[in-house]
């Protein structure tokens, strides 16, 4: 493992805790503070919207000032966002909480660039394994985030959960300290971000379309179900916060723990088969989610959701890196992440409304429809490859 991979993996262990903390608590706190039940998941949705809105600015900042300064800048304001969220909970200020979660999501846009920094620092033959090592940081974050949220929930006696967000600020500060050891790869300093083909020309490639659609499907389905699960379990089905946290924690661990083997699988079978396998796992996930709403239904559905997301997202990321040259990377990466997280934001914004208006089953139906597009594109690609061989 090279220096870039080690530093960014350690930083990601803390930097990625923002999402699980907000996913666990955002809907629960939102249900108490929101002016209407349909807005309960708005803090979670705005976190995702913050990611989508910040993908292009994040890419611009790193192209202009370098990845190191961009990463450190984002970690700094993530600390402030955690403090702001704690203050919002203490003062019962719903819209201030939404602002804080938007900033936490904005920080996530910079964290998503870790994978591209790693990809630029390793040979193509080791790309899958290196990305999987980085994604394993999510296992630590999956444990550390919810654990911090539950252990510190009563730290501030007058405001339950305010202490959880104070803990988030400490974790973001720790990520910043680790990132101070990050040294940009030679690719960043030697190759500019200007020139190359137009984004329209790059987007005409079938591999580019498959890469984006696979990532969109993985993130959108994950967002629809994951955002709604804490509210469905804790508020509608009356499961305890401990049970709810266990399901969310298991889900986030399932998103990243498969990276122990998925990177090796990716290097062996290629991105297209990884995307197909991930879609198959998500189909099973939706079947379990539709079957019932007992604790183990939620647990199995969310675990399978995490594994399917891992396969599809890893396959999509690897396929995307094949579609651009070094001097085209910033605009392609920004375009990919903007589309992916914009669609994820739409899914998150829809999640609460669909849950309260139509019920859990409609989330499953919609997720099944989303899966059709990547499967159709991959099938078309496979037919085209067979035609060329013939």
Protein backbone atom coordinates (compact mmCIF):
# COMPACT_ATOMS: atom_id res chain seq x y z
CA UNK A 1 0.00 0.00 0.00
CA UNK A 2 1.35 3.43 -0.94
CA UNK A 3 1.30 6.54 1.21
CA UNK A 4 -1.79 8.03 -0.48
CA UNK A 5 -3.82 4.88 0.13
CA UNK A 6 -2.76 4.61 3.79
CA UNK A 7 -3.41 8.26 4.66
CA UNK A 8 -6.75 8.51 2.88
CA UNK A 9 -7.96 5.20 4.30
CA UNK A 10 -7.18 6.33 7.85
CA UNK A 11 -8.81 9.72 7.24
CA UNK A 12 -11.88 8.07 5.72
CA UNK A 13 -12.42 6.02 8.89
CA UNK A 14 -13.37 9.28 10.62
CA UNK A 15 -14.50 11.47 7.71
CA UNK A 16 -17.18 8.97 6.66
CA UNK A 17 -18.88 8.90 10.07
CA UNK A 18 -20.94 11.99 9.23
CA UNK A 19 -23.32 10.09 6.95
CA UNK A 20 -24.20 7.22 9.35
CA UNK A 21 -24.74 9.64 12.24
CA UNK A 22 -27.09 11.82 10.19
CA UNK A 23 -28.86 8.79 8.69
CA UNK A 24 -29.44 7.32 12.16
CA UNK A 25 -30.53 10.52 13.91
CA UNK A 26 -31.70 12.86 11.16
CA UNK A 27 -35.11 11.29 10.62
CA UNK A 28 -35.70 10.65 14.32
CA UNK A 29 -34.85 14.23 15.34
CA UNK A 30 -36.65 15.52 12.27
CA UNK A 31 -39.83 13.70 13.29
CA UNK A 32 -39.74 15.63 16.59
CA UNK A 33 -38.79 19.06 15.23
CA UNK A 34 -40.24 19.20 11.72
CA UNK A 35 -43.37 21.30 11.17
CA UNK A 36 -45.04 18.34 9.40
CA UNK A 37 -44.41 14.54 9.36
CA UNK A 38 -43.59 14.57 5.65
CA UNK A 39 -40.52 16.71 6.40
CA UNK A 40 -39.12 14.25 8.96
CA UNK A 41 -36.42 12.95 6.60
CA UNK A 42 -35.53 16.41 5.25
CA UNK A 43 -32.29 16.66 7.31
CA UNK A 44 -31.09 13.40 5.74
CA UNK A 45 -32.22 14.48 2.29
CA UNK A 46 -30.44 17.82 2.63
CA UNK A 47 -27.25 16.04 3.61
CA UNK A 48 -27.42 14.18 0.30
CA UNK A 49 -28.42 17.38 -1.53
CA UNK A 50 -25.37 19.04 0.02
CA UNK A 51 -23.21 16.33 -1.50
CA UNK A 52 -24.79 16.77 -4.92
CA UNK A 53 -24.55 20.57 -4.84
CA UNK A 54 -20.89 20.46 -3.81
CA UNK A 55 -19.51 17.94 -6.30
CA UNK A 56 -18.70 20.51 -8.98
CA UNK A 57 -17.34 23.15 -6.53
CA UNK A 58 -15.25 20.45 -4.85
CA UNK A 59 -13.74 19.43 -8.18
CA UNK A 60 -13.08 23.07 -9.09
CA UNK A 61 -11.39 23.78 -5.74
CA UNK A 62 -9.12 20.75 -6.07
CA UNK A 63 -8.26 21.54 -9.67
CA UNK A 64 -7.41 25.12 -8.66
CA UNK A 65 -5.71 24.54 -5.30
CA UNK A 66 -4.90 20.81 -5.25
CA UNK A 67 -6.50 17.85 -3.52
CA UNK A 68 -4.63 18.34 -0.23
CA UNK A 69 -5.94 21.87 0.37
CA UNK A 70 -9.40 20.83 -0.76
CA UNK A 71 -9.53 17.89 1.64
CA UNK A 72 -8.29 19.99 4.59
CA UNK A 73 -10.72 22.81 3.81
CA UNK A 74 -13.68 20.43 3.81
CA UNK A 75 -12.62 18.76 7.07
CA UNK A 76 -12.40 22.19 8.71
CA UNK A 77 -15.94 23.25 7.94
CA UNK A 78 -17.25 19.78 8.78
CA UNK A 79 -16.09 20.45 12.35
CA UNK A 80 -18.17 23.64 12.36
CA UNK A 81 -21.15 21.78 10.88
CA UNK A 82 -21.14 19.30 13.78
CA UNK A 83 -21.12 22.13 16.31
CA UNK A 84 -23.94 23.85 14.44
CA UNK A 85 -26.02 20.66 14.48
CA UNK A 86 -25.49 20.26 18.23
CA UNK A 87 -26.64 23.84 18.80
CA UNK A 88 -29.67 23.28 16.56
CA UNK A 89 -30.73 20.22 18.56
CA UNK A 90 -30.27 22.08 21.84
CA UNK A 91 -32.42 25.00 20.65
CA UNK A 92 -34.95 22.82 18.76
CA UNK A 93 -34.18 24.74 15.55
CA UNK A 94 -35.26 22.44 12.71
CA UNK A 95 -34.07 24.65 9.84
CA UNK A 96 -30.71 25.22 11.51
CA UNK A 97 -30.35 21.45 11.80
CA UNK A 98 -31.12 21.18 8.08
CA UNK A 99 -28.39 23.75 7.36
CA UNK A 100 -25.89 21.74 9.41
CA UNK A 101 -26.71 18.46 7.68
CA UNK A 102 -26.40 20.21 4.30
CA UNK A 103 -22.85 21.23 5.27
CA UNK A 104 -22.07 17.69 6.46
CA UNK A 105 -23.22 16.45 3.05
CA UNK A 106 -21.09 19.10 1.34
CA UNK A 107 -18.07 17.68 3.16
CA UNK A 108 -19.01 14.24 1.82
CA UNK A 109 -18.52 15.53 -1.73
CA UNK A 110 -14.85 16.04 -0.93
CA UNK A 111 -14.63 12.65 0.78
CA UNK A 112 -15.96 11.02 -2.40
CA UNK A 113 -12.88 12.38 -4.19
CA UNK A 114 -10.67 10.15 -2.02
CA UNK A 115 -11.36 7.25 -4.40
CA UNK A 116 -10.15 9.22 -7.41
CA UNK A 117 -7.01 10.32 -5.58
CA UNK A 118 -6.28 6.66 -4.82
CA UNK A 119 -7.03 5.60 -8.41
CA UNK A 120 -4.48 8.12 -9.67
CA UNK A 121 -1.79 6.76 -7.38
CA UNK A 122 -1.87 3.04 -8.27
CA UNK A 123 -1.33 0.95 -11.45
CA UNK A 124 -4.46 -0.15 -13.29
CA UNK A 125 -3.80 -3.79 -12.36
CA UNK A 126 -4.15 -2.94 -8.65
CA UNK A 127 -7.07 -0.55 -8.96
CA UNK A 128 -9.76 -2.91 -7.65
CA UNK A 129 -7.76 -4.03 -4.63
CA UNK A 130 -6.72 -0.48 -3.77
CA UNK A 131 -10.26 0.87 -4.00
CA UNK A 132 -11.49 -2.00 -1.86
CA UNK A 133 -8.94 -1.16 0.85
CA UNK A 134 -10.16 2.43 0.85
CA UNK A 135 -13.78 1.30 1.02
CA UNK A 136 -12.97 -0.85 4.05
CA UNK A 137 -12.67 2.40 5.97
CA UNK A 138 -16.44 2.43 5.77
CA UNK A 139 -16.52 -0.61 8.07
CA UNK A 140 -14.80 1.42 10.76
CA UNK A 141 -17.06 4.40 10.08
CA UNK A 142 -20.13 2.14 10.20
CA UNK A 143 -19.20 1.13 13.73
CA UNK A 144 -17.70 4.39 14.92
CA UNK A 145 -20.49 6.69 13.71
CA UNK A 146 -23.56 5.03 15.27
CA UNK A 147 -21.53 4.10 18.36
CA UNK A 148 -20.55 7.73 18.86
CA UNK A 149 -24.17 8.81 18.31
CA UNK A 150 -25.59 6.41 20.90
CA UNK A 151 -22.84 6.73 23.52
CA UNK A 152 -22.91 10.53 23.52
CA UNK A 153 -26.64 11.06 23.03
CA UNK A 154 -27.09 12.15 26.67
CA UNK A 155 -23.85 14.11 26.97
CA UNK A 156 -25.81 17.39 27.03
CA UNK A 157 -28.49 16.85 29.73
CA UNK A 158 -30.88 19.45 28.33
CA UNK A 159 -30.81 18.16 24.75
CA UNK A 160 -30.82 14.50 23.74
CA UNK A 161 -28.57 13.85 20.70
CA UNK A 162 -26.73 17.18 20.90
CA UNK A 163 -23.73 15.28 22.31
CA UNK A 164 -23.85 12.96 19.30
CA UNK A 165 -23.06 15.87 16.99
CA UNK A 166 -20.34 17.17 19.30
CA UNK A 167 -18.74 13.76 18.88
CA UNK A 168 -19.07 14.18 15.12
CA UNK A 169 -17.05 17.41 15.31
CA UNK A 170 -14.28 15.61 17.19
CA UNK A 171 -14.16 12.90 14.52
CA UNK A 172 -13.98 15.47 11.72
CA UNK A 173 -11.09 17.19 13.51
CA UNK A 174 -9.31 13.84 13.72
CA UNK A 175 -9.76 13.33 9.98
CA UNK A 176 -8.23 16.75 9.36
CA UNK A 177 -5.19 15.88 11.44
CA UNK A 178 -4.61 12.70 9.42
CA UNK A 179 -5.08 14.56 6.13
CA UNK A 180 -2.25 16.92 7.06
CA UNK A 181 0.06 13.99 6.17
CA UNK A 182 -1.40 13.62 2.67
CA UNK A 183 1.08 14.23 -0.17
CA UNK A 184 -0.45 14.64 -3.66
CA UNK A 185 0.46 12.03 -6.26
CA UNK A 186 2.73 13.09 -9.12
CA UNK A 187 -0.24 12.79 -11.52
CA UNK A 188 -1.89 15.73 -9.77
CA UNK A 189 1.12 18.00 -10.01
CA UNK A 190 2.31 17.01 -13.48
CA UNK A 191 -0.97 16.80 -15.42
CA UNK A 192 -3.32 19.77 -15.52
CA UNK A 193 -7.06 19.63 -15.52
CA UNK A 194 -7.51 21.50 -18.82
CA UNK A 195 -7.89 20.32 -22.40
CA UNK A 196 -8.90 16.93 -23.75
CA UNK A 197 -12.21 15.94 -25.31
CA UNK A 198 -15.43 17.73 -24.51
CA UNK A 199 -17.67 16.24 -21.85
CA UNK A 200 -20.28 15.57 -24.54
CA UNK A 201 -17.80 13.48 -26.54
CA UNK A 202 -16.80 11.49 -23.47
CA UNK A 203 -20.44 10.91 -22.55
CA UNK A 204 -21.13 9.21 -25.89
CA UNK A 205 -19.16 6.15 -24.74
CA UNK A 206 -21.37 3.23 -23.69
CA UNK A 207 -19.01 2.48 -20.79
CA UNK A 208 -19.47 6.02 -19.49
CA UNK A 209 -23.26 5.63 -19.59
CA UNK A 210 -23.14 2.27 -17.83
CA UNK A 211 -20.77 3.59 -15.16
CA UNK A 212 -23.01 6.53 -14.30
CA UNK A 213 -26.29 4.61 -14.48
CA UNK A 214 -24.92 1.80 -12.28
CA UNK A 215 -23.76 4.27 -9.64
CA UNK A 216 -27.04 6.21 -9.85
CA UNK A 217 -29.05 3.03 -9.35
CA UNK A 218 -26.89 1.85 -6.45
CA UNK A 219 -27.01 5.17 -4.59
CA UNK A 220 -30.68 5.94 -5.34
CA UNK A 221 -32.02 2.58 -4.18
CA UNK A 222 -29.79 2.66 -1.13
CA UNK A 223 -30.99 6.18 -0.33
CA UNK A 224 -34.69 5.40 -0.77
CA UNK A 225 -34.61 2.46 1.62
CA UNK A 226 -31.91 3.56 4.07
CA UNK A 227 -33.36 7.04 4.62
CA UNK A 228 -36.81 5.64 5.35
CA UNK A 229 -35.72 2.72 7.53
CA UNK A 230 -35.00 4.58 10.83
CA UNK A 231 -38.36 6.38 10.61
CA UNK A 232 -40.24 3.24 9.57
CA UNK A 233 -38.66 1.16 12.33
CA UNK A 234 -38.53 3.62 15.24
CA UNK A 235 -41.57 5.79 14.62
CA UNK A 236 -44.03 3.62 12.68
CA UNK A 237 -43.19 0.08 13.83
CA UNK A 238 -42.08 1.09 17.35
CA UNK A 239 -38.70 -0.64 17.37
CA UNK A 240 -36.24 0.70 19.95
CA UNK A 241 -33.42 3.07 19.02
CA UNK A 242 -30.98 0.27 19.87
CA UNK A 243 -32.63 -2.09 17.35
CA UNK A 244 -32.82 0.68 14.78
CA UNK A 245 -29.17 1.60 15.28
CA UNK A 246 -28.20 -2.08 14.96
CA UNK A 247 -29.95 -2.37 11.59
CA UNK A 248 -28.42 0.86 10.26
CA UNK A 249 -25.00 -0.07 11.62
CA UNK A 250 -25.25 -3.51 10.02
CA UNK A 251 -26.30 -1.94 6.74
CA UNK A 252 -23.38 0.48 6.63
CA UNK A 253 -20.95 -2.28 7.55
CA UNK A 254 -22.45 -4.40 4.76
CA UNK A 255 -21.78 -1.52 2.37
CA UNK A 256 -18.06 -1.72 3.02
CA UNK A 257 -17.14 -5.09 4.56
CA UNK A 258 -17.52 -6.92 1.20
CA UNK A 259 -14.54 -4.89 0.04
CA UNK A 260 -12.40 -7.61 1.65
CA UNK A 261 -13.21 -9.67 -1.45
CA UNK A 262 -14.99 -7.41 -3.93
CA UNK A 263 -11.78 -5.66 -5.00
CA UNK A 264 -10.17 -8.98 -5.89
CA UNK A 265 -13.35 -10.03 -7.69
CA UNK A 266 -13.34 -6.79 -9.64
CA UNK A 267 -9.76 -7.32 -10.81
CA UNK A 268 -10.66 -10.87 -11.84
CA UNK A 269 -14.11 -10.60 -13.46
CA UNK A 270 -14.21 -6.95 -14.53
CA UNK A 271 -16.64 -4.07 -13.89
CA UNK A 272 -19.58 -5.31 -16.00
CA UNK A 273 -19.93 -8.59 -14.13
CA UNK A 274 -19.57 -6.78 -10.80
CA UNK A 275 -22.41 -4.44 -11.74
CA UNK A 276 -24.57 -7.40 -12.81
CA UNK A 277 -23.86 -9.29 -9.58
CA UNK A 278 -24.70 -6.21 -7.52
CA UNK A 279 -28.01 -5.79 -9.32
CA UNK A 280 -28.85 -9.43 -8.64
CA UNK A 281 -28.19 -8.98 -4.92
CA UNK A 282 -30.39 -5.88 -4.87
CA UNK A 283 -33.24 -7.87 -6.44
CA UNK A 284 -33.04 -10.34 -3.53
CA UNK A 285 -32.91 -7.39 -1.10
CA UNK A 286 -36.15 -5.98 -2.52
CA UNK A 287 -37.81 -9.37 -2.23
CA UNK A 288 -36.97 -9.53 1.48
CA UNK A 289 -38.07 -5.92 2.05
CA UNK A 290 -41.42 -6.66 0.42
CA UNK A 291 -41.94 -9.90 2.40
CA UNK A 292 -42.46 -8.28 5.81
CA UNK A 293 -41.54 -5.65 8.39
CA UNK A 294 -40.29 -7.72 11.30
CA UNK A 295 -36.86 -6.93 12.74
CA UNK A 296 -35.09 -9.61 10.69
CA UNK A 297 -36.82 -8.48 7.50
CA UNK A 298 -35.37 -5.03 8.04
CA UNK A 299 -31.97 -6.44 8.97
CA UNK A 300 -31.63 -8.82 6.01
CA UNK A 301 -32.98 -6.27 3.54
CA UNK A 302 -30.55 -3.57 4.71
CA UNK A 303 -27.57 -5.96 4.79
CA UNK A 304 -28.29 -7.16 1.24
CA UNK A 305 -28.81 -3.53 0.24
CA UNK A 306 -25.30 -2.72 1.47
CA UNK A 307 -23.67 -5.64 -0.36
CA UNK A 308 -25.47 -4.90 -3.62
CA UNK A 309 -24.49 -1.23 -3.36
CA UNK A 310 -20.84 -2.20 -2.82
CA UNK A 311 -20.68 -4.35 -5.94
CA UNK A 312 -22.50 -1.89 -8.21
CA UNK A 313 -20.68 1.20 -6.97
CA UNK A 314 -17.24 -0.39 -7.09
CA UNK A 315 -17.92 -1.70 -10.59
CA UNK A 316 -19.23 1.67 -11.74
CA UNK A 317 -16.25 3.58 -10.33
CA UNK A 318 -13.74 1.22 -11.95
CA UNK A 319 -15.56 1.40 -15.30
CA UNK A 320 -15.62 5.21 -15.14
CA UNK A 321 -11.82 5.41 -14.83
CA UNK A 322 -11.55 3.69 -18.24
CA UNK A 323 -13.47 6.46 -20.02
CA UNK A 324 -11.17 9.48 -19.59
CA UNK A 325 -7.57 10.62 -19.91
CA UNK A 326 -5.60 12.23 -17.08
CA UNK A 327 -6.23 15.79 -18.25
CA UNK A 328 -9.97 15.10 -18.50
CA UNK A 329 -10.36 13.62 -15.04
CA UNK A 330 -11.70 16.57 -13.04
CA UNK A 331 -14.60 17.39 -15.36
CA UNK A 332 -15.58 13.74 -15.77
CA UNK A 333 -15.36 13.04 -12.03
CA UNK A 334 -17.39 16.17 -11.28
CA UNK A 335 -20.03 15.24 -13.86
CA UNK A 336 -20.30 11.67 -12.55
CA UNK A 337 -20.61 12.66 -8.91
CA UNK A 338 -23.04 15.50 -9.63
CA UNK A 339 -25.43 13.23 -11.53
CA UNK A 340 -25.11 10.39 -9.01
CA UNK A 341 -25.65 12.48 -5.89
CA UNK A 342 -28.29 14.72 -7.46
CA UNK A 343 -30.36 11.62 -8.17
CA UNK A 344 -29.61 10.30 -4.69
CA UNK A 345 -30.87 13.60 -3.27
CA UNK A 346 -34.10 13.23 -5.25
CA UNK A 347 -34.49 9.72 -3.84
CA UNK A 348 -33.87 10.91 -0.28
CA UNK A 349 -36.27 13.83 -0.65
CA UNK A 350 -38.92 11.45 -1.97
CA UNK A 351 -38.34 8.82 0.69
CA UNK A 352 -40.20 10.44 3.58
CA UNK A 353 -43.10 11.56 1.40
CA UNK A 354 -43.51 8.11 -0.16
CA UNK A 355 -43.27 6.37 3.20
CA UNK A 356 -45.92 8.49 4.93
CA UNK A 357 -48.16 8.88 1.86
CA UNK A 358 -48.09 5.42 0.27
CA UNK A 359 -46.25 3.07 2.63
CA UNK A 360 -43.08 0.98 2.64
CA UNK A 361 -44.13 -1.21 -0.31
CA UNK A 362 -44.03 1.73 -2.74
CA UNK A 363 -40.39 2.31 -1.90
CA UNK A 364 -39.72 -1.28 -2.94
CA UNK A 365 -41.69 -0.92 -6.19
CA UNK A 366 -39.84 2.24 -7.16
CA UNK A 367 -36.47 0.66 -6.37
CA UNK A 368 -37.26 -2.28 -8.65
CA UNK A 369 -38.02 0.11 -11.50
CA UNK A 370 -34.68 1.90 -11.04
CA UNK A 371 -32.78 -1.39 -11.46
CA UNK A 372 -34.14 -1.99 -14.95
CA UNK A 373 -31.99 0.69 -16.60
CA UNK A 374 -28.48 -0.52 -15.66
CA UNK A 375 -29.43 -4.13 -16.34
CA UNK A 376 -30.69 -3.16 -19.80
CA UNK A 377 -27.51 -1.22 -20.63
CA UNK A 378 -25.23 -4.01 -19.42
CA UNK A 379 -27.25 -6.51 -21.44
CA UNK A 380 -26.90 -4.34 -24.53
CA UNK A 381 -23.14 -4.11 -23.95
CA UNK A 382 -22.82 -7.88 -23.61
CA UNK A 383 -24.79 -8.43 -26.82
CA UNK A 384 -22.57 -5.92 -28.61
CA UNK A 385 -19.43 -7.72 -27.39
CA UNK A 386 -20.79 -11.07 -28.55
CA UNK A 387 -21.59 -9.54 -31.94
CA UNK A 388 -18.02 -8.29 -32.30
CA UNK A 389 -16.63 -11.72 -31.41
CA UNK A 390 -18.92 -13.37 -33.94
